[in-house]
Protein backbone atom coordinates (compact mmCIF):
# COMPACT_ATOMS: atom_id res chain seq x y z
CA MET A 1 7.21 -23.66 -22.92
CA SER A 2 5.39 -20.66 -24.29
CA PHE A 3 8.36 -19.37 -26.25
CA LEU A 4 7.87 -22.25 -28.69
CA ARG A 5 4.34 -21.14 -29.49
CA GLY A 6 5.14 -17.55 -30.31
CA ASN A 7 3.12 -14.89 -28.50
CA ALA A 8 0.14 -17.13 -27.75
CA PRO A 9 -0.68 -17.12 -24.04
CA ALA A 10 -0.47 -20.39 -22.16
CA PRO A 11 -3.76 -21.96 -21.09
CA GLY A 12 -4.60 -20.52 -17.70
CA GLY A 13 -1.96 -17.89 -18.39
CA VAL A 14 -1.35 -14.51 -16.87
CA ASN A 15 -4.34 -12.27 -16.27
CA ALA A 16 -3.56 -8.67 -17.27
CA ASP A 17 -5.99 -7.29 -14.67
CA LYS A 18 -4.22 -9.18 -11.89
CA ILE A 19 -0.85 -7.89 -13.05
CA GLU A 20 -2.17 -4.34 -13.11
CA MET A 21 -3.58 -4.77 -9.60
CA ALA A 22 -0.25 -6.17 -8.37
CA VAL A 23 1.68 -3.28 -9.91
CA THR A 24 -0.71 -0.78 -8.31
CA GLU A 25 -0.33 -2.48 -4.94
CA LEU A 26 3.47 -2.47 -5.26
CA ASP A 27 3.41 1.25 -6.12
CA THR A 28 1.18 1.92 -3.11
CA VAL A 29 3.41 -0.03 -0.71
CA THR A 30 6.54 1.63 -2.11
CA ASP A 31 4.99 5.08 -1.71
CA PHE A 32 3.92 4.26 1.86
CA PHE A 33 7.43 3.06 2.73
CA ASN A 34 9.12 6.11 1.20
CA ARG A 35 6.78 8.53 3.01
CA MET A 36 7.32 6.69 6.30
CA VAL A 37 11.11 6.73 5.95
CA SER A 38 11.16 10.40 5.00
CA SER A 39 8.83 11.45 7.82
CA CYS A 40 10.49 9.39 10.56
CA HIS A 41 13.99 10.30 9.42
CA ALA A 42 13.20 14.01 9.51
CA LYS A 43 11.53 13.70 12.91
CA CYS A 44 13.97 11.40 14.71
CA ILE A 45 17.46 11.66 13.27
CA SER A 46 19.68 14.67 13.67
CA THR A 47 21.12 16.20 10.50
CA ARG A 48 24.53 16.16 12.19
CA TYR A 49 25.72 12.56 12.02
CA ALA A 50 28.08 12.33 15.00
CA GLU A 51 27.99 8.54 15.34
CA PRO A 52 27.87 5.72 12.79
CA ASP A 53 24.93 4.01 14.52
CA LEU A 54 21.64 5.24 15.92
CA ASN A 55 21.78 6.28 19.55
CA LYS A 56 19.20 5.03 22.05
CA GLY A 57 16.92 8.07 21.70
CA GLU A 58 16.93 7.94 17.90
CA SER A 59 16.23 4.22 17.91
CA VAL A 60 13.28 4.55 20.28
CA CYS A 61 11.93 7.50 18.28
CA ILE A 62 12.16 5.53 15.01
CA ASP A 63 10.39 2.53 16.59
CA ARG A 64 7.54 4.71 17.84
CA CYS A 65 7.29 6.70 14.62
CA VAL A 66 7.06 3.56 12.47
CA ALA A 67 4.48 2.03 14.81
CA LYS A 68 2.34 5.19 14.71
CA PHE A 69 2.69 5.48 10.93
CA ASN A 70 1.55 1.86 10.50
CA GLU A 71 -1.36 2.32 12.92
CA VAL A 72 -2.58 5.41 11.08
CA GLN A 73 -2.24 3.64 7.73
CA LYS A 74 -4.31 0.74 9.10
CA LYS A 75 -7.03 3.06 10.42
CA VAL A 76 -7.20 5.01 7.16
CA GLY A 77 -7.45 1.76 5.18
CA GLU A 78 -10.27 0.50 7.40
CA LYS A 79 -12.14 3.80 7.08
CA LEU A 80 -11.77 3.76 3.28
CA GLN A 81 -13.01 0.17 3.12
CA SER A 82 -16.07 0.96 5.23
CA ARG A 83 -16.88 4.01 3.09
CA GLY A 84 -16.40 1.97 -0.07
CA ALA A 85 -18.74 -0.73 1.24
CA ALA A 86 -21.32 1.89 2.23
CA ASN A 87 -21.10 3.53 -1.20
CA ALA A 88 -21.43 0.16 -2.91
CA ALA A 89 -24.48 -0.70 -0.81
CA ALA A 90 -26.05 2.68 -1.58
CA GLY A 91 -25.32 2.18 -5.28
CA ASN A 92 -26.90 -1.29 -5.26
CA ALA A 93 -29.97 0.02 -3.46
CA ALA A 94 -30.37 2.79 -6.03
CA THR A 95 -30.22 0.31 -8.94
CA GLY A 96 -32.51 -2.22 -7.33
CA GLY A 97 -29.66 -4.59 -6.47
CA PHE A 98 -28.54 -4.98 -10.09
CA THR A 99 -25.18 -3.92 -11.36
CA SER A 100 -24.46 -2.86 -14.90
CA LEU A 101 -22.12 -4.89 -17.06
């Protein structure tokens, strides 16, 4: 019970770097979701809401839009990872394989 010890962190406690990484990841996922919803809504759903539910065409359009959005996000992520790995390898080669602390 850490509240009994004041502000002292528990042994093996929370790592601030991991929390920051988790917050950044949550922000990224939230941004992705909001952009996907906005884009697919504008593309697939009429501004005149005539029915309470999606019709067949809107539903199919949303399914395809979300699938394409996810596929593009995956491809962009893979491309960024490969570029990051190439840049890291080039950086290591330039420093003789040693990294600075």
